[in-house]
């Protein structure tokens, strides 16, 4: 419905990135009226270029975008290669070694986000979503108890008012409207980092079949990512401590070169490369405050997804996964409430419990991953030891996951959390050492380590659901009184006998 500059929709999504376009498509597939308001014009630049299989073969399969991704010619990512830990030699993991991601789904993509994001946004359009670009949201219509819509300006500067049953904030870490759900944004002291990144032509590749892998290399001041985006184009970024901001101040080109000189492996891979200096890839960029979470993810009429809600350090490529996974969870909740099958409190409690749980799993995994790196002479790495972490940080982590999956995390106090994380880090490090000793003939020890298996669990479950549908094994609630996904994966339902 519309009257002059006032329109009504079932759902308004603020932001057309992977989270927003995925949610919009999944809700529109249920026949609901969905509007995406995107402040920029696609294609547009974005970082976060390394995907996980669950995004490609799970969530994008459900939303209908998987076939278009397969046709796009993106670099195949079969796993990851790391110069990380006590062993000086790089080690590699492959998705195919896990039974849950083996076979035809044992890969993901390295993507140019300008292309990837447009594919997802165009998919939403095909699903019936009204997509309006160059339309920044200017305010949220909020009566205190409930959010009821937004106002925005179009490309010609005209003001519009849109009311809806739900407003979804998918506008990323720079969101200007997330505060309407209440609560605060809390930043992690453990992952308090800065990244300086750019693009290079002509960089080296790992030997086949790992030539499309992400390469992550630790060095005294932090770590590098090295992501092949085509046969010749590579995304390269250095992550350093927030306290070492001086290392990236001044001329960014000189700063990046100095950091590259600190890391022999990356320096070798870029020895014959030239930095891109024109177009969108010609800028050197800085990203800060890599990890945070909001104390609330929703209120009546509004929900936060993706980076608007939380983000964790990028070393394990979890950014797009968390964005699209939270989109799937929120879409199930919205579809269920609009259908009248589940009440709002139950539906969005399920969303928030599951999203916080997934964020907590990756947070714990990454704390253990950082802790396994041995470099006692480096201030960066000594600061990443969990036993040296502050009580407040560990208590914040406990509060993040407490009551969500207490049996799995077994967190009772900060001291026991530090000990458990230390043990899991040692377990992970032993698994890596076993992989290196066996000369990569088997990577089973890596996937048997608890932090890795937990990090892969939920994504592989959604991947299986997308591929098998009703033939997939029945889900069980993740907390007492909780809900489970429907057979088609698009809404919540009560478990059998529940």
Protein backbone atom coordinates (compact mmCIF):
# COMPACT_ATOMS: atom_id res chain seq x y z
CA UNK A 1 0.00 0.00 0.00
CA UNK A 2 1.11 3.57 -0.61
CA UNK A 3 -0.29 7.03 -0.08
CA UNK A 4 1.88 9.84 -1.44
CA UNK A 5 5.24 9.45 0.25
CA UNK A 6 3.95 6.90 2.78
CA UNK A 7 4.16 3.16 2.05
CA UNK A 8 3.53 -0.03 3.98
CA UNK A 9 5.51 -3.27 3.82
CA UNK A 10 5.72 -6.39 5.92
CA UNK A 11 9.49 -5.99 6.34
CA UNK A 12 11.94 -3.16 5.66
CA UNK A 13 15.60 -4.17 5.44
CA UNK A 14 18.20 -1.45 5.94
CA UNK A 15 21.26 -2.48 3.94
CA UNK A 16 21.61 -4.65 0.85
CA UNK A 17 24.77 -6.59 1.71
CA UNK A 18 24.90 -10.38 2.14
CA UNK A 19 22.90 -10.37 5.38
CA UNK A 20 20.20 -8.00 4.19
CA UNK A 21 19.76 -9.53 0.74
CA UNK A 22 19.70 -13.07 2.17
CA UNK A 23 17.05 -12.26 4.76
CA UNK A 24 14.97 -10.33 2.24
CA UNK A 25 15.00 -13.25 -0.21
CA UNK A 26 14.09 -15.82 2.47
CA UNK A 27 11.17 -13.70 3.73
CA UNK A 28 9.93 -12.84 0.23
CA UNK A 29 9.94 -16.56 -0.59
CA UNK A 30 7.09 -16.86 1.94
CA UNK A 31 5.06 -14.33 -0.02
CA UNK A 32 5.69 -11.33 2.24
CA UNK A 33 6.20 -7.77 1.00
CA UNK A 34 9.84 -6.82 1.54
CA UNK A 35 11.69 -3.57 0.85
CA UNK A 36 15.49 -3.18 0.85
CA UNK A 37 16.83 0.35 1.35
CA UNK A 38 20.50 0.55 0.37
CA UNK A 39 22.39 3.83 0.72
CA UNK A 40 24.93 3.02 -2.01
CA UNK A 41 24.66 1.86 -5.60
CA UNK A 42 25.77 -1.67 -6.42
CA UNK A 43 28.30 -2.88 -7.27
CA UNK A 44 30.17 -1.26 -4.39
CA UNK A 45 33.39 -2.12 -2.55
CA UNK A 46 33.42 -4.20 0.63
CA UNK A 47 35.98 -6.27 2.52
CA UNK A 48 35.39 -9.83 3.76
CA UNK A 49 36.27 -11.87 0.70
CA UNK A 50 36.87 -15.41 1.96
CA UNK A 51 33.78 -17.61 2.37
CA UNK A 52 32.97 -20.82 4.24
CA UNK A 53 31.20 -23.85 2.71
CA UNK A 54 28.12 -23.39 4.89
CA UNK A 55 27.42 -20.02 3.28
CA UNK A 56 27.81 -21.32 -0.27
CA UNK A 57 26.18 -24.75 -0.02
CA UNK A 58 23.82 -24.11 2.88
CA UNK A 59 22.36 -20.64 3.15
CA UNK A 60 22.84 -19.58 -0.48
CA UNK A 61 21.28 -22.87 -1.57
CA UNK A 62 18.22 -22.12 0.56
CA UNK A 63 17.92 -18.57 -0.77
CA UNK A 64 18.33 -19.65 -4.41
CA UNK A 65 21.62 -17.86 -5.09
CA UNK A 66 23.95 -20.88 -5.18
CA UNK A 67 23.67 -21.58 -8.91
CA UNK A 68 24.53 -17.98 -9.81
CA UNK A 69 27.57 -18.14 -7.53
CA UNK A 70 28.69 -21.32 -9.26
CA UNK A 71 28.53 -19.56 -12.64
CA UNK A 72 30.45 -16.46 -11.51
CA UNK A 73 33.93 -17.90 -11.94
CA UNK A 74 35.10 -17.24 -8.37
CA UNK A 75 38.33 -18.86 -7.15
CA UNK A 76 37.70 -22.21 -5.45
CA UNK A 77 38.77 -22.29 -1.80
CA UNK A 78 39.40 -25.86 -0.67
CA UNK A 79 40.69 -24.91 2.77
CA UNK A 80 43.23 -22.70 4.46
CA UNK A 81 47.01 -22.54 4.82
CA UNK A 82 48.59 -21.07 7.95
CA UNK A 83 52.05 -20.06 9.14
CA UNK A 84 50.84 -20.08 12.70
CA UNK A 85 51.80 -21.86 15.89
CA UNK A 86 55.10 -23.27 17.14
CA UNK A 87 56.04 -24.99 13.86
CA UNK A 88 57.89 -22.65 11.46
CA UNK A 89 56.47 -24.37 8.37
CA UNK A 90 53.05 -23.54 6.90
CA UNK A 91 50.32 -26.13 7.46
CA UNK A 92 47.11 -26.68 5.55
CA UNK A 93 43.60 -27.89 6.32
CA UNK A 94 41.10 -29.01 3.70
CA UNK A 95 37.31 -28.90 4.06
CA UNK A 96 37.14 -32.35 2.42
CA UNK A 97 38.67 -34.09 5.42
CA UNK A 98 35.54 -33.50 7.49
CA UNK A 99 32.74 -36.01 6.84
CA UNK A 100 30.22 -33.18 7.20
CA UNK A 101 31.74 -31.10 4.38
CA UNK A 102 33.13 -33.86 2.18
CA UNK A 103 32.26 -34.63 -1.44
CA UNK A 104 30.68 -32.08 -3.75
CA UNK A 105 30.45 -29.42 -1.02
CA UNK A 106 34.07 -29.55 0.15
CA UNK A 107 34.89 -26.06 -1.07
CA UNK A 108 33.93 -22.43 -0.75
CA UNK A 109 34.87 -19.36 -2.81
CA UNK A 110 37.24 -16.44 -2.61
CA UNK A 111 35.05 -13.61 -3.88
CA UNK A 112 35.32 -10.08 -5.10
CA UNK A 113 32.63 -8.60 -2.90
CA UNK A 114 31.52 -6.12 -5.56
CA UNK A 115 30.47 -9.13 -7.66
CA UNK A 116 29.32 -11.44 -4.84
CA UNK A 117 27.11 -8.89 -3.10
CA UNK A 118 25.44 -7.89 -6.37
CA UNK A 119 24.63 -11.54 -7.12
CA UNK A 120 22.86 -11.84 -3.75
CA UNK A 121 21.04 -8.53 -4.19
CA UNK A 122 19.88 -9.46 -7.70
CA UNK A 123 18.69 -12.80 -6.32
CA UNK A 124 16.55 -10.93 -3.78
CA UNK A 125 15.06 -8.89 -6.63
CA UNK A 126 14.14 -12.09 -8.47
CA UNK A 127 12.42 -13.35 -5.34
CA UNK A 128 10.14 -10.31 -5.45
CA UNK A 129 11.97 -7.94 -3.11
CA UNK A 130 11.61 -4.23 -3.85
CA UNK A 131 15.24 -3.03 -3.91
CA UNK A 132 15.93 0.71 -3.80
CA UNK A 133 19.53 1.85 -4.08
CA UNK A 134 20.92 5.29 -3.21
CA UNK A 135 18.21 5.51 -0.54
CA UNK A 136 19.77 6.18 2.88
CA UNK A 137 17.59 5.73 5.96
CA UNK A 138 17.35 8.98 7.92
CA UNK A 139 15.41 7.92 11.02
CA UNK A 140 13.58 5.08 12.70
CA UNK A 141 9.89 5.35 13.57
CA UNK A 142 9.97 4.19 17.18
CA UNK A 143 7.24 4.78 19.75
CA UNK A 144 9.42 3.46 22.58
CA UNK A 145 7.75 0.08 22.96
CA UNK A 146 7.90 -0.93 19.32
CA UNK A 147 9.66 0.04 16.09
CA UNK A 148 7.11 0.69 13.35
CA UNK A 149 9.12 1.78 10.30
CA UNK A 150 11.72 4.17 8.90
CA UNK A 151 12.09 7.35 6.94
CA UNK A 152 14.51 7.67 4.04
CA UNK A 153 15.52 9.96 1.20
CA UNK A 154 15.62 8.79 -2.40
CA UNK A 155 18.28 9.52 -5.01
CA UNK A 156 16.58 12.80 -5.87
CA UNK A 157 16.51 13.97 -2.25
CA UNK A 158 12.79 13.36 -1.70
CA UNK A 159 11.75 12.21 1.78
CA UNK A 160 9.68 9.07 2.29
CA UNK A 161 8.03 7.28 5.19
CA UNK A 162 7.69 3.49 5.31
CA UNK A 163 5.85 1.55 7.99
CA UNK A 164 6.34 -2.19 8.46
CA UNK A 165 5.81 -5.05 10.85
CA UNK A 166 9.58 -5.39 11.11
CA UNK A 167 12.66 -3.27 10.49
CA UNK A 168 15.85 -5.26 9.97
CA UNK A 169 19.16 -3.48 10.54
CA UNK A 170 21.61 -5.08 8.12
CA UNK A 171 23.66 -1.92 7.64
CA UNK A 172 26.93 -3.29 9.05
CA UNK A 173 29.45 -2.08 11.60
CA UNK A 174 28.81 1.56 10.67
CA UNK A 175 25.09 1.27 11.48
CA UNK A 176 23.48 4.50 12.67
CA UNK A 177 20.25 2.88 13.85
CA UNK A 178 21.28 -0.18 15.89
CA UNK A 179 20.78 1.69 19.17
CA UNK A 180 17.00 1.59 18.68
CA UNK A 181 16.93 -1.99 19.98
CA UNK A 182 18.40 -0.73 23.27
CA UNK A 183 21.48 -1.95 25.07
CA UNK A 184 25.08 -1.04 24.24
CA UNK A 185 27.86 -2.15 21.90
CA UNK A 186 30.65 -3.82 23.86
CA UNK A 187 34.11 -4.12 22.31
CA UNK A 188 36.49 -6.99 22.96
CA UNK A 189 39.79 -6.11 24.57
CA UNK A 190 41.26 -9.44 23.47
CA UNK A 191 40.71 -8.75 19.75
CA UNK A 192 41.37 -5.02 19.89
CA UNK A 193 43.03 -4.67 16.50
CA UNK A 194 43.57 -2.57 13.39
CA UNK A 195 43.96 -3.77 9.82
CA UNK A 196 45.71 -2.08 6.91
CA UNK A 197 44.93 -3.70 3.56
CA UNK A 198 45.21 -3.33 -0.19
CA UNK A 199 45.44 -5.30 -3.44
CA UNK A 200 48.31 -6.65 -5.53
CA UNK A 201 48.69 -7.99 -9.06
CA UNK A 202 51.08 -10.82 -9.85
CA UNK A 203 51.49 -12.36 -6.41
CA UNK A 204 52.56 -15.99 -6.05
CA UNK A 205 50.13 -18.86 -5.45
CA UNK A 206 50.34 -21.91 -3.26
CA UNK A 207 50.98 -25.20 -5.12
CA UNK A 208 47.90 -26.98 -6.51
CA UNK A 209 45.42 -28.13 -5.31
CA UNK A 210 45.73 -25.44 -2.60
CA UNK A 211 46.32 -22.49 -4.94
CA UNK A 212 42.94 -20.98 -4.02
CA UNK A 213 43.42 -21.26 -0.26
CA UNK A 214 43.49 -18.29 2.04
CA UNK A 215 47.00 -17.90 3.46
CA UNK A 216 47.30 -16.53 7.01
CA UNK A 217 50.78 -15.81 8.30
CA UNK A 218 51.71 -14.74 11.82
CA UNK A 219 54.64 -12.36 12.24
CA UNK A 220 56.00 -10.41 15.25
CA UNK A 221 53.62 -7.45 14.96
CA UNK A 222 50.47 -9.48 14.18
CA UNK A 223 49.30 -11.49 11.18
CA UNK A 224 48.66 -11.19 7.44
CA UNK A 225 45.84 -12.40 5.26
CA UNK A 226 46.63 -13.26 1.64
CA UNK A 227 43.51 -14.05 -0.44
CA UNK A 228 43.68 -14.95 -4.15
CA UNK A 229 40.69 -13.30 -5.87
CA UNK A 230 41.67 -14.26 -9.44
CA UNK A 231 44.64 -15.83 -11.17
CA UNK A 232 46.51 -12.55 -10.70
CA UNK A 233 44.66 -10.36 -8.13
CA UNK A 234 45.32 -10.80 -4.39
CA UNK A 235 43.82 -9.15 -1.32
CA UNK A 236 46.54 -8.53 1.29
CA UNK A 237 46.02 -7.17 4.79
CA UNK A 238 48.03 -6.80 8.00
CA UNK A 239 46.32 -7.00 11.41
CA UNK A 240 48.12 -5.28 14.31
CA UNK A 241 47.33 -4.33 17.90
CA UNK A 242 45.30 -1.18 18.47
CA UNK A 243 48.20 0.04 20.62
CA UNK A 244 50.50 -0.28 17.60
CA UNK A 245 48.51 2.21 15.54
CA UNK A 246 51.74 4.11 14.91
CA UNK A 247 52.81 1.28 12.60
CA UNK A 248 50.09 2.22 10.11
CA UNK A 249 50.14 5.98 10.48
CA UNK A 250 51.76 8.32 7.99
CA UNK A 251 52.12 7.16 4.39
CA UNK A 252 50.00 3.96 4.19
CA UNK A 253 52.00 2.57 1.27
CA UNK A 254 55.23 2.81 3.25
CA UNK A 255 53.50 1.42 6.34
CA UNK A 256 52.21 -1.64 4.48
CA UNK A 257 55.59 -2.23 2.87
CA UNK A 258 57.30 -2.06 6.26
CA UNK A 259 54.86 -4.64 7.67
CA UNK A 260 55.40 -6.89 4.64
CA UNK A 261 59.14 -6.68 5.27
CA UNK A 262 58.50 -8.05 8.78
CA UNK A 263 56.87 -11.20 7.39
CA UNK A 264 59.27 -13.26 5.20
CA UNK A 265 56.54 -15.56 3.86
CA UNK A 266 54.29 -12.76 2.60
CA UNK A 267 57.32 -10.81 1.35
CA UNK A 268 58.32 -13.81 -0.75
CA UNK A 269 54.79 -14.25 -2.16
CA UNK A 270 54.74 -10.58 -3.17
CA UNK A 271 58.33 -10.43 -4.45
CA UNK A 272 57.23 -10.13 -8.11
CA UNK A 273 53.92 -8.36 -7.44
CA UNK A 274 52.86 -4.75 -7.88
CA UNK A 275 50.27 -2.97 -5.78
CA UNK A 276 47.07 -1.89 -7.53
CA UNK A 277 46.88 1.91 -7.43
CA UNK A 278 43.79 2.71 -9.53
CA UNK A 279 40.06 2.08 -9.20
CA UNK A 280 38.31 0.70 -6.12
CA UNK A 281 41.22 -1.64 -5.45
CA UNK A 282 43.73 1.20 -5.67
CA UNK A 283 43.10 2.57 -2.18
CA UNK A 284 44.81 1.37 0.96
CA UNK A 285 42.18 1.07 3.69
CA UNK A 286 42.12 0.75 7.48
CA UNK A 287 39.54 -1.13 9.56
CA UNK A 288 39.49 -0.94 13.35
CA UNK A 289 37.68 -2.40 16.37
CA UNK A 290 37.38 -5.82 14.88
CA UNK A 291 35.33 -7.53 17.61
CA UNK A 292 32.22 -6.41 19.45
CA UNK A 293 28.71 -7.48 20.31
CA UNK A 294 25.56 -5.63 21.24
CA UNK A 295 23.93 -6.45 24.54
CA UNK A 296 20.58 -6.68 22.75
CA UNK A 297 19.86 -8.03 19.28
CA UNK A 298 16.15 -7.21 18.97
CA UNK A 299 13.12 -5.44 20.35
CA UNK A 300 9.48 -5.61 19.18
CA UNK A 301 9.44 -4.55 15.55
CA UNK A 302 13.23 -4.48 14.98
CA UNK A 303 16.12 -6.95 14.74
CA UNK A 304 19.87 -6.61 14.18
CA UNK A 305 21.73 -9.03 11.91
CA UNK A 306 25.30 -9.36 10.68
CA UNK A 307 27.82 -6.73 11.70
CA UNK A 308 25.06 -4.47 13.02
CA UNK A 309 24.75 -6.97 15.88
CA UNK A 310 28.27 -8.33 16.36
CA UNK A 311 31.57 -9.13 14.69
CA UNK A 312 34.58 -11.24 15.62
CA UNK A 313 38.19 -11.18 14.39
CA UNK A 314 38.46 -12.17 10.68
CA UNK A 315 41.21 -14.80 10.82
CA UNK A 316 38.80 -17.70 10.26
CA UNK A 317 36.66 -16.01 7.57
CA UNK A 318 33.56 -15.92 9.75
CA UNK A 319 32.23 -12.48 8.74
CA UNK A 320 29.98 -13.37 5.80
CA UNK A 321 29.06 -16.64 7.50
CA UNK A 322 27.77 -14.85 10.62
CA UNK A 323 25.97 -12.26 8.48
CA UNK A 324 24.13 -14.79 6.34
CA UNK A 325 23.56 -17.22 9.22
CA UNK A 326 21.98 -14.50 11.35
CA UNK A 327 19.89 -13.52 8.31
CA UNK A 328 18.60 -17.08 8.08
CA UNK A 329 17.79 -17.18 11.81
CA UNK A 330 16.00 -13.81 11.72
CA UNK A 331 14.12 -14.75 8.54
CA UNK A 332 12.80 -17.88 10.26
CA UNK A 333 11.64 -15.74 13.18
CA UNK A 334 9.95 -13.14 10.99
CA UNK A 335 8.28 -15.77 8.81
CA UNK A 336 7.00 -17.59 11.87
CA UNK A 337 5.52 -14.46 13.49
CA UNK A 338 3.96 -13.21 10.25
CA UNK A 339 2.41 -16.65 9.71
CA UNK A 340 1.04 -16.64 13.26
CA UNK A 341 2.66 -20.01 14.03
CA UNK A 342 5.03 -18.79 16.80
CA UNK A 343 4.71 -15.80 19.11
CA UNK A 344 7.24 -12.98 18.78
CA UNK A 345 8.98 -13.54 22.11
CA UNK A 346 9.61 -17.22 21.42
CA UNK A 347 10.67 -16.66 17.81
CA UNK A 348 13.19 -13.91 18.48
CA UNK A 349 14.49 -15.50 21.67
CA UNK A 350 15.37 -18.46 19.46
CA UNK A 351 17.07 -16.13 16.99
CA UNK A 352 19.14 -14.38 19.64
CA UNK A 353 20.10 -17.57 21.49
CA UNK A 354 21.33 -19.22 18.32
CA UNK A 355 23.13 -16.17 16.97
CA UNK A 356 24.91 -15.48 20.27
CA UNK A 357 25.82 -19.14 20.53
CA UNK A 358 27.39 -19.14 17.06
CA UNK A 359 29.24 -15.91 17.79
CA UNK A 360 30.43 -17.40 21.09
CA UNK A 361 31.67 -20.57 19.38
CA UNK A 362 33.81 -18.57 16.95
CA UNK A 363 34.98 -16.23 19.70
CA UNK A 364 36.19 -19.16 21.78
CA UNK A 365 37.77 -20.85 18.79
CA UNK A 366 39.67 -17.72 17.84
CA UNK A 367 40.87 -17.08 21.39
CA UNK A 368 42.28 -20.62 21.40
CA UNK A 369 43.74 -20.14 17.92
CA UNK A 370 45.58 -16.98 18.94
CA UNK A 371 46.80 -18.56 22.16
CA UNK A 372 48.46 -21.47 20.33
CA UNK A 373 50.92 -19.15 18.53
CA UNK A 374 54.30 -19.16 20.27
CA UNK A 375 56.34 -15.97 20.05
CA UNK A 376 57.44 -14.94 23.51
CA UNK A 377 59.48 -12.02 22.17
CA UNK A 378 56.46 -10.40 20.53
CA UNK A 379 54.32 -7.97 22.47
CA UNK A 380 51.44 -8.66 20.09
CA UNK A 381 51.40 -12.39 20.74
CA UNK A 382 52.20 -12.28 24.45
CA UNK A 383 49.17 -10.01 24.83
CA UNK A 384 47.02 -12.71 23.18
CA UNK A 385 47.65 -15.35 25.84
CA UNK A 386 44.36 -16.23 27.49
CA UNK A 387 45.96 -16.72 30.90
CA UNK A 388 47.11 -13.09 30.75
CA UNK A 389 43.71 -11.87 29.74
CA UNK A 390 41.71 -9.68 32.06
CA UNK A 391 39.07 -11.11 34.33
CA UNK A 392 36.60 -8.63 32.87
CA UNK A 393 37.12 -9.91 29.32
CA UNK A 394 36.59 -13.52 30.33
CA UNK A 395 33.56 -12.61 32.39
CA UNK A 396 32.13 -10.79 29.37
CA UNK A 397 32.65 -13.92 27.31
CA UNK A 398 30.90 -16.00 29.96
CA UNK A 399 27.97 -13.61 29.96
CA UNK A 400 27.81 -13.86 26.17
CA UNK A 401 27.20 -17.60 26.16
CA UNK A 402 25.83 -18.25 29.66
CA UNK A 403 22.38 -19.78 29.58
CA UNK A 404 22.64 -20.38 25.84
CA UNK A 405 24.61 -23.59 25.77
CA UNK A 406 25.86 -23.97 29.31
CA UNK A 407 26.45 -27.72 29.09
CA UNK A 408 28.65 -27.35 26.03
CA UNK A 409 30.68 -24.39 27.23
CA UNK A 410 30.78 -25.36 30.92
CA UNK A 411 31.65 -21.84 32.05
CA UNK A 412 31.37 -21.19 35.78
CA UNK A 413 33.88 -18.43 36.40
CA UNK A 414 36.67 -16.52 34.71
CA UNK A 415 39.44 -18.72 36.07
CA UNK A 416 37.89 -21.98 34.87
CA UNK A 417 37.21 -20.35 31.49
CA UNK A 418 40.88 -19.37 31.16
CA UNK A 419 42.00 -22.88 32.05
CA UNK A 420 39.57 -24.52 29.63
CA UNK A 421 40.54 -22.20 26.79
CA UNK A 422 44.20 -22.89 27.52
CA UNK A 423 43.56 -26.63 27.38
CA UNK A 424 41.66 -26.35 24.10
CA UNK A 425 44.42 -24.20 22.65
CA UNK A 426 46.97 -26.86 23.58
CA UNK A 427 44.72 -29.54 22.08
CA UNK A 428 44.46 -27.55 18.85
CA UNK A 429 48.24 -26.97 18.76
CA UNK A 430 48.87 -30.72 19.24
CA UNK A 431 46.50 -31.45 16.35
CA UNK A 432 48.39 -29.01 14.12
CA UNK A 433 51.70 -30.60 15.08
CA UNK A 434 50.29 -34.01 14.15
CA UNK A 435 49.17 -32.69 10.76
CA UNK A 436 52.66 -31.27 10.10
CA UNK A 437 54.38 -34.49 11.23
CA UNK A 438 52.22 -36.56 8.90
CA UNK A 439 53.14 -34.22 6.04
CA UNK A 440 49.46 -33.41 5.50
CA UNK A 441 48.54 -37.00 4.61
CA UNK A 442 45.63 -36.73 7.02
CA UNK A 443 44.04 -33.74 8.68
CA UNK A 444 41.62 -35.75 10.80
CA UNK A 445 43.30 -34.67 14.09
CA UNK A 446 42.56 -31.04 13.27
CA UNK A 447 38.84 -31.64 12.78
CA UNK A 448 38.66 -33.83 15.87
CA UNK A 449 39.91 -31.02 18.10
CA UNK A 450 36.97 -29.61 20.06
CA UNK A 451 37.33 -25.95 19.07
CA UNK A 452 37.37 -26.78 15.35
CA UNK A 453 34.49 -29.26 15.51
CA UNK A 454 32.34 -26.76 17.44
CA UNK A 455 33.12 -23.98 14.95
CA UNK A 456 32.13 -26.16 11.99
CA UNK A 457 29.08 -27.83 13.56
CA UNK A 458 26.21 -25.43 12.97
CA UNK A 459 27.28 -24.42 9.50
CA UNK A 460 27.53 -28.02 8.35
CA UNK A 461 24.09 -28.71 9.84
CA UNK A 462 22.54 -25.91 7.74
CA UNK A 463 24.48 -27.16 4.73
CA UNK A 464 22.99 -30.64 5.17
CA UNK A 465 19.48 -29.21 5.56
CA UNK A 466 19.78 -27.20 2.33
CA UNK A 467 20.93 -30.27 0.39
CA UNK A 468 18.61 -32.91 1.90
CA UNK A 469 15.55 -30.94 3.02
CA UNK A 470 12.98 -33.29 4.58
CA UNK A 471 15.49 -36.18 4.38
CA UNK A 472 17.86 -34.48 6.81
CA UNK A 473 18.02 -35.80 10.36
CA UNK A 474 15.55 -34.19 12.75
CA UNK A 475 16.91 -31.28 14.76
CA UNK A 476 16.82 -31.03 18.52
CA UNK A 477 16.43 -27.74 20.45
CA UNK A 478 19.68 -26.11 21.53
CA UNK A 479 18.17 -25.02 24.84
CA UNK A 480 15.28 -26.14 27.04
CA UNK A 481 11.93 -25.16 25.58
CA UNK A 482 13.53 -24.02 22.33
CA UNK A 483 12.39 -24.33 18.74
CA UNK A 484 13.76 -26.20 15.72
CA UNK A 485 13.84 -25.33 12.00
CA UNK A 486 11.06 -26.50 9.71
CA UNK A 487 11.83 -29.09 7.02
CA UNK A 488 12.21 -26.39 4.39
CA UNK A 489 14.41 -24.31 6.72
CA UNK A 490 12.33 -21.13 6.38
CA UNK A 491 10.56 -20.92 9.75
CA UNK A 492 10.60 -22.26 13.32
CA UNK A 493 8.48 -25.08 14.63
CA UNK A 494 7.96 -26.87 17.91
CA UNK A 495 9.95 -30.10 18.18
CA UNK A 496 7.99 -33.33 17.94
CA UNK A 497 6.64 -34.14 21.37
CA UNK A 498 7.51 -30.60 22.56
